[in-house]
Amino acid sequence: INTAAMALGLSACYILGTLWFMISTGTPLWASLVSCVFPFLIGDVLKIIAGALLVKKLRPALH
């Protein structure tokens, strides 16, 4: 469930940031996605995976 929460949070950031970019620059959706989302997807997915693995390892130590 932690991975889903991280993905949902990231999606919210992408949606709001892309909408703001589109409004403030007048850039269409596809160009905004190419500029604001696609370049960061791989890194963000890797960070979510790393976070999920860390939570799995650290949770027993915190309880």
N, C-alpha and C. Protein backbone atom coordinates (compact mmCIF):
# COMPACT_ATOMS: atom_id res chain seq x y z
N ILE A 1 0.82 -1.21 0.00
CA ILE A 1 0.00 0.00 0.00
C ILE A 1 0.86 1.26 0.00
N ASN A 2 2.05 1.18 0.56
CA ASN A 2 2.93 2.35 0.57
C ASN A 2 3.31 2.77 -0.84
N THR A 3 3.54 1.80 -1.71
CA THR A 3 3.91 2.11 -3.08
C THR A 3 2.77 2.82 -3.78
N ALA A 4 1.55 2.37 -3.55
CA ALA A 4 0.38 3.02 -4.16
C ALA A 4 0.24 4.45 -3.65
N ALA A 5 0.47 4.67 -2.38
CA ALA A 5 0.38 6.02 -1.82
C ALA A 5 1.45 6.93 -2.41
N MET A 6 2.66 6.40 -2.58
CA MET A 6 3.73 7.19 -3.18
C MET A 6 3.40 7.53 -4.63
N ALA A 7 2.88 6.56 -5.37
CA ALA A 7 2.52 6.80 -6.77
C ALA A 7 1.37 7.81 -6.86
N LEU A 8 0.41 7.72 -5.96
CA LEU A 8 -0.70 8.66 -5.96
C LEU A 8 -0.22 10.08 -5.65
N GLY A 9 0.66 10.20 -4.68
CA GLY A 9 1.22 11.51 -4.35
C GLY A 9 2.02 12.10 -5.50
N LEU A 10 2.81 11.27 -6.14
CA LEU A 10 3.58 11.72 -7.28
C LEU A 10 2.67 12.14 -8.43
N SER A 11 1.61 11.37 -8.65
CA SER A 11 0.65 11.71 -9.71
C SER A 11 0.01 13.06 -9.44
N ALA A 12 -0.34 13.31 -8.18
CA ALA A 12 -0.93 14.61 -7.82
C ALA A 12 0.05 15.74 -8.12
N CYS A 13 1.32 15.54 -7.79
CA CYS A 13 2.33 16.56 -8.08
C CYS A 13 2.47 16.79 -9.58
N TYR A 14 2.52 15.71 -10.34
CA TYR A 14 2.63 15.83 -11.79
C TYR A 14 1.42 16.55 -12.38
N ILE A 15 0.22 16.18 -11.94
CA ILE A 15 -1.00 16.79 -12.49
C ILE A 15 -1.03 18.28 -12.18
N LEU A 16 -0.85 18.63 -10.91
CA LEU A 16 -0.92 20.05 -10.54
C LEU A 16 0.21 20.85 -11.17
N GLY A 17 1.41 20.30 -11.19
CA GLY A 17 2.54 21.01 -11.79
C GLY A 17 2.38 21.20 -13.28
N THR A 18 1.89 20.17 -13.95
CA THR A 18 1.70 20.26 -15.40
C THR A 18 0.58 21.26 -15.73
N LEU A 19 -0.51 21.20 -14.97
CA LEU A 19 -1.59 22.17 -15.19
C LEU A 19 -1.10 23.60 -14.99
N TRP A 20 -0.33 23.81 -13.92
CA TRP A 20 0.19 25.15 -13.67
C TRP A 20 1.13 25.59 -14.80
N PHE A 21 1.97 24.69 -15.27
CA PHE A 21 2.87 25.00 -16.38
C PHE A 21 2.07 25.38 -17.62
N MET A 22 1.02 24.61 -17.92
CA MET A 22 0.19 24.89 -19.09
C MET A 22 -0.48 26.25 -18.98
N ILE A 23 -1.00 26.57 -17.80
CA ILE A 23 -1.69 27.84 -17.61
C ILE A 23 -0.71 29.01 -17.68
N SER A 24 0.42 28.87 -17.02
CA SER A 24 1.35 30.00 -16.94
C SER A 24 2.13 30.24 -18.23
N THR A 25 2.29 29.19 -19.06
CA THR A 25 3.06 29.38 -20.29
C THR A 25 2.22 29.30 -21.56
N GLY A 26 0.99 28.79 -21.45
CA GLY A 26 0.16 28.62 -22.63
C GLY A 26 0.59 27.44 -23.49
N THR A 27 1.36 26.54 -22.92
CA THR A 27 1.85 25.38 -23.64
C THR A 27 0.77 24.30 -23.69
N PRO A 28 0.60 23.64 -24.85
CA PRO A 28 -0.40 22.56 -24.92
C PRO A 28 0.00 21.34 -24.09
N LEU A 29 -0.97 20.45 -23.89
CA LEU A 29 -0.78 19.30 -23.00
C LEU A 29 0.41 18.44 -23.39
N TRP A 30 0.48 18.00 -24.64
CA TRP A 30 1.56 17.08 -25.02
C TRP A 30 2.94 17.70 -24.81
N ALA A 31 3.10 18.94 -25.21
CA ALA A 31 4.39 19.62 -25.03
C ALA A 31 4.70 19.79 -23.54
N SER A 32 3.68 20.03 -22.73
CA SER A 32 3.89 20.16 -21.29
C SER A 32 4.32 18.83 -20.68
N LEU A 33 3.70 17.74 -21.12
CA LEU A 33 4.10 16.42 -20.62
C LEU A 33 5.54 16.10 -21.01
N VAL A 34 5.90 16.44 -22.24
CA VAL A 34 7.27 16.19 -22.71
C VAL A 34 8.27 17.00 -21.90
N SER A 35 7.90 18.21 -21.50
CA SER A 35 8.81 19.07 -20.75
C SER A 35 8.83 18.79 -19.26
N CYS A 36 7.67 18.49 -18.70
CA CYS A 36 7.51 18.49 -17.24
C CYS A 36 7.37 17.11 -16.61
N VAL A 37 7.03 16.09 -17.38
CA VAL A 37 6.75 14.79 -16.79
C VAL A 37 7.69 13.71 -17.31
N PHE A 38 7.69 13.51 -18.60
CA PHE A 38 8.44 12.38 -19.18
C PHE A 38 9.91 12.34 -18.79
N PRO A 39 10.61 13.47 -18.74
CA PRO A 39 12.04 13.39 -18.38
C PRO A 39 12.29 12.89 -16.96
N PHE A 40 11.28 12.98 -16.10
CA PHE A 40 11.47 12.65 -14.69
C PHE A 40 10.86 11.32 -14.28
N LEU A 41 10.13 10.67 -15.16
CA LEU A 41 9.42 9.45 -14.80
C LEU A 41 10.33 8.32 -14.33
N ILE A 42 11.38 8.05 -15.07
CA ILE A 42 12.26 6.93 -14.71
C ILE A 42 12.89 7.15 -13.33
N GLY A 43 13.41 8.33 -13.10
CA GLY A 43 14.01 8.62 -11.80
C GLY A 43 13.01 8.55 -10.67
N ASP A 44 11.81 9.06 -10.90
CA ASP A 44 10.79 9.03 -9.85
C ASP A 44 10.31 7.61 -9.57
N VAL A 45 10.19 6.79 -10.60
CA VAL A 45 9.81 5.39 -10.39
C VAL A 45 10.90 4.67 -9.59
N LEU A 46 12.15 4.93 -9.92
CA LEU A 46 13.25 4.32 -9.17
C LEU A 46 13.24 4.77 -7.70
N LYS A 47 12.90 6.03 -7.45
CA LYS A 47 12.83 6.53 -6.08
C LYS A 47 11.68 5.88 -5.32
N ILE A 48 10.56 5.67 -5.98
CA ILE A 48 9.43 4.99 -5.33
C ILE A 48 9.82 3.56 -4.98
N ILE A 49 10.49 2.88 -5.89
CA ILE A 49 10.94 1.51 -5.62
C ILE A 49 11.92 1.50 -4.44
N ALA A 50 12.87 2.42 -4.44
CA ALA A 50 13.84 2.49 -3.34
C ALA A 50 13.13 2.79 -2.02
N GLY A 51 12.18 3.71 -2.04
CA GLY A 51 11.42 4.04 -0.83
C GLY A 51 10.64 2.84 -0.32
N ALA A 52 10.01 2.11 -1.23
CA ALA A 52 9.23 0.93 -0.82
C ALA A 52 10.14 -0.13 -0.21
N LEU A 53 11.31 -0.32 -0.79
CA LEU A 53 12.26 -1.30 -0.24
C LEU A 53 12.77 -0.86 1.13
N LEU A 54 13.04 0.42 1.28
CA LEU A 54 13.50 0.92 2.58
C LEU A 54 12.42 0.76 3.65
N VAL A 55 11.19 1.06 3.30
CA VAL A 55 10.09 0.91 4.27
C VAL A 55 9.98 -0.55 4.70
N LYS A 56 10.09 -1.45 3.74
CA LYS A 56 9.99 -2.88 4.05
C LYS A 56 11.10 -3.31 5.00
N LYS A 57 12.31 -2.80 4.79
CA LYS A 57 13.44 -3.17 5.64
C LYS A 57 13.39 -2.48 7.01
N LEU A 58 12.95 -1.23 7.05
CA LEU A 58 13.02 -0.45 8.29
C LEU A 58 11.79 -0.63 9.18
N ARG A 59 10.67 -1.01 8.63
CA ARG A 59 9.45 -1.14 9.43
C ARG A 59 9.63 -2.02 10.66
N PRO A 60 10.26 -3.20 10.56
CA PRO A 60 10.43 -4.02 11.77
C PRO A 60 11.26 -3.32 12.86
N ALA A 61 12.22 -2.53 12.46
CA ALA A 61 13.06 -1.84 13.43
C ALA A 61 12.29 -0.72 14.14
N LEU A 62 11.24 -0.22 13.54
CA LEU A 62 10.49 0.89 14.12
C LEU A 62 9.35 0.43 15.02
N HIS A 63 9.06 -0.86 15.04
CA HIS A 63 7.95 -1.36 15.85
C HIS A 63 8.42 -2.07 17.07
